[in-house]
Amino acid sequence: MSSEMKIGELASAAEVTRDAIRYYERLKLLRRATRTRSGYRIYTEADLEGVRFIKQAQAFGFSLSEIRKLLPGRDAGLVECRLVRDLLRLKLGEADARLSEIRTFRETLAAYLEECEQTLSGKRGECCPVVLEISHPTSATKRASSARKSIERFRQ
């Protein structure tokens, strides 16, 4: 790839839209592109790496405002390092909470599967206990309520 590229080439190489690149510029996550005499934006390999950094950070769950704090090119002193550390601690705590919710959700699903298996093998009645628990919230067990909450949180 050439060292200079237009917005469409950058977008294609970074697997984002042109609008995303313009948006990152407006938010000052990317430097303002230089322009040709005819007004075309010109980007470099450094810009491509910047967009890739943004996308990777987003994939790890960082918001654009959080990504701004992580961007390379800032002073890399101890104050900035503490800010980054605090942000990483926060994200790690969020990830741990989500993992806990996912484990609870998995346990609920496994219990529901076991109930279905017992019903289908004739060890229980002829009605699906899972459907009964989910469709009758007034008689549902705590586990069914917990499962619904876990499902809702998981979908978010």
Protein backbone atom coordinates (compact mmCIF):
# COMPACT_ATOMS: atom_id res chain seq x y z
CA MET A 1 0.00 0.00 0.00
CA SER A 2 1.29 3.47 -0.81
CA SER A 3 2.35 5.72 2.04
CA GLU A 4 -0.45 8.15 1.15
CA MET A 5 -4.09 7.20 0.74
CA LYS A 6 -7.43 8.83 0.25
CA ILE A 7 -10.29 8.40 2.70
CA GLY A 8 -11.85 5.48 0.81
CA GLU A 9 -8.54 3.62 0.76
CA LEU A 10 -8.03 4.24 4.47
CA ALA A 11 -11.57 3.14 5.23
CA SER A 12 -11.13 -0.03 3.21
CA ALA A 13 -7.74 -0.86 4.75
CA ALA A 14 -9.04 -0.26 8.29
CA GLU A 15 -12.40 -1.97 7.61
CA VAL A 16 -14.46 1.04 8.71
CA THR A 17 -16.67 3.49 6.86
CA ARG A 18 -15.64 6.86 5.53
CA ASP A 19 -18.12 8.38 7.96
CA ALA A 20 -16.33 6.69 10.86
CA ILE A 21 -13.05 8.25 9.81
CA ARG A 22 -14.64 11.69 9.53
CA TYR A 23 -16.23 11.16 12.94
CA TYR A 24 -12.88 10.19 14.51
CA GLU A 25 -11.42 13.37 13.05
CA ARG A 26 -14.22 15.51 14.50
CA LEU A 27 -13.64 13.91 17.91
CA LYS A 28 -9.91 14.54 17.50
CA LEU A 29 -9.14 10.83 17.82
CA LEU A 30 -7.38 11.16 14.46
CA ARG A 31 -5.32 14.10 13.36
CA ARG A 32 -6.96 16.36 10.82
CA ALA A 33 -6.01 15.05 7.37
CA THR A 34 -4.00 17.15 5.01
CA ARG A 35 -5.78 17.93 1.77
CA THR A 36 -4.82 18.02 -1.87
CA ARG A 37 -5.42 21.13 -3.92
CA SER A 38 -8.67 19.59 -5.11
CA GLY A 39 -9.81 19.01 -1.51
CA TYR A 40 -9.21 15.26 -1.11
CA ARG A 41 -8.15 14.14 2.34
CA ILE A 42 -4.77 12.44 2.38
CA TYR A 43 -3.87 9.91 5.07
CA THR A 44 -0.70 8.05 6.01
CA GLU A 45 0.20 4.66 7.44
CA ALA A 46 0.23 6.31 10.88
CA ASP A 47 -3.43 7.25 10.37
CA LEU A 48 -4.21 3.66 9.43
CA GLU A 49 -2.54 2.45 12.62
CA GLY A 50 -4.53 5.05 14.57
CA VAL A 51 -7.84 3.78 13.18
CA ARG A 52 -6.82 0.19 13.87
CA PHE A 53 -5.93 1.16 17.44
CA ILE A 54 -9.36 2.77 17.90
CA LYS A 55 -11.18 -0.29 16.52
CA GLN A 56 -9.15 -2.69 18.66
CA ALA A 57 -9.78 -0.62 21.80
CA GLN A 58 -13.51 -0.55 20.98
CA ALA A 59 -13.46 -4.33 20.57
CA PHE A 60 -12.06 -4.52 24.11
CA GLY A 61 -15.00 -2.48 25.37
CA PHE A 62 -13.48 0.98 25.58
CA SER A 63 -15.69 3.96 24.75
CA LEU A 64 -14.42 6.64 22.39
CA SER A 65 -13.89 9.03 25.30
CA GLU A 66 -11.87 6.36 27.09
CA ILE A 67 -9.89 5.68 23.93
CA ARG A 68 -8.96 9.35 23.76
CA LYS A 69 -7.19 8.86 27.11
CA LEU A 70 -5.26 5.89 25.73
CA LEU A 71 -4.14 7.39 22.44
CA PRO A 72 -0.45 7.24 21.69
CA GLY A 73 1.41 10.48 21.19
CA ARG A 74 0.42 11.95 24.53
CA ASP A 75 2.93 12.55 27.26
CA ALA A 76 3.86 9.13 28.59
CA GLY A 77 4.75 10.35 32.08
CA LEU A 78 3.68 8.97 35.42
CA VAL A 79 0.50 11.06 35.59
CA GLU A 80 -0.72 9.62 32.28
CA CYS A 81 0.37 6.14 33.31
CA ARG A 82 -1.75 6.44 36.49
CA LEU A 83 -4.76 7.54 34.42
CA VAL A 84 -4.33 4.58 32.10
CA ARG A 85 -3.87 2.22 35.06
CA ASP A 86 -7.06 3.50 36.69
CA LEU A 87 -8.97 3.10 33.44
CA LEU A 88 -7.64 -0.44 33.01
CA ARG A 89 -8.62 -1.32 36.58
CA LEU A 90 -12.13 -0.05 35.91
CA LYS A 91 -12.41 -2.10 32.70
CA LEU A 92 -11.04 -5.18 34.45
CA GLY A 93 -13.68 -4.82 37.18
CA GLU A 94 -16.39 -4.48 34.53
CA ALA A 95 -15.09 -7.58 32.74
CA ASP A 96 -15.06 -9.56 36.00
CA ALA A 97 -18.66 -8.53 36.72
CA ARG A 98 -19.77 -9.58 33.25
CA LEU A 99 -17.94 -12.92 33.59
CA SER A 100 -19.75 -13.53 36.88
CA GLU A 101 -23.09 -12.78 35.25
CA ILE A 102 -22.26 -15.07 32.34
CA ARG A 103 -21.29 -17.88 34.74
CA THR A 104 -24.62 -17.48 36.58
CA PHE A 105 -26.45 -17.46 33.25
CA ARG A 106 -24.59 -20.61 32.16
CA GLU A 107 -25.43 -22.39 35.42
CA THR A 108 -29.10 -21.51 34.96
CA LEU A 109 -29.09 -22.80 31.39
CA ALA A 110 -27.38 -26.03 32.50
CA ALA A 111 -30.01 -26.53 35.22
CA TYR A 112 -32.79 -25.91 32.70
CA LEU A 113 -31.21 -28.40 30.33
CA GLU A 114 -31.05 -31.02 33.08
CA GLU A 115 -34.74 -30.43 33.88
CA CYS A 116 -35.61 -30.90 30.22
CA GLU A 117 -33.53 -34.09 30.02
CA GLN A 118 -35.28 -35.52 33.08
CA THR A 119 -38.71 -34.69 31.65
CA LEU A 120 -37.85 -36.20 28.27
CA SER A 121 -36.47 -39.37 29.86
CA GLY A 122 -39.74 -39.88 31.76
CA LYS A 123 -38.30 -39.15 35.21
CA ARG A 124 -40.58 -36.12 35.56
CA GLY A 125 -44.06 -35.15 34.44
CA GLU A 126 -45.14 -34.59 30.88
CA CYS A 127 -44.93 -30.79 30.89
CA CYS A 128 -41.72 -28.97 30.24
CA PRO A 129 -40.73 -27.49 33.62
CA VAL A 130 -38.69 -24.76 31.98
CA VAL A 131 -41.63 -23.51 29.92
CA LEU A 132 -43.82 -23.60 33.04
CA GLU A 133 -41.29 -21.62 35.07
CA ILE A 134 -40.81 -19.01 32.36
CA SER A 135 -44.49 -18.69 31.40
CA HIS A 136 -45.84 -18.48 34.97
CA PRO A 137 -43.77 -15.82 36.73
CA THR A 138 -45.97 -15.84 39.83
CA SER A 139 -45.06 -19.46 40.51
CA ALA A 140 -41.56 -19.28 39.12
CA THR A 141 -38.67 -20.19 41.30
CA LYS A 142 -35.93 -17.75 42.28
CA ARG A 143 -33.72 -19.40 39.71
CA ALA A 144 -36.08 -18.56 36.86
CA SER A 145 -36.21 -14.95 38.00
CA SER A 146 -32.44 -14.91 38.26
CA ALA A 147 -32.19 -16.44 34.80
CA ARG A 148 -34.39 -13.74 33.29
CA LYS A 149 -32.25 -11.04 34.89
CA SER A 150 -29.09 -12.75 33.66
CA ILE A 151 -30.51 -13.03 30.16
CA GLU A 152 -31.45 -9.34 30.16
CA ARG A 153 -27.97 -8.31 31.35
CA PHE A 154 -26.31 -10.68 28.89
CA ARG A 155 -28.29 -9.18 25.98
CA GLN A 156 -27.12 -5.67 26.91
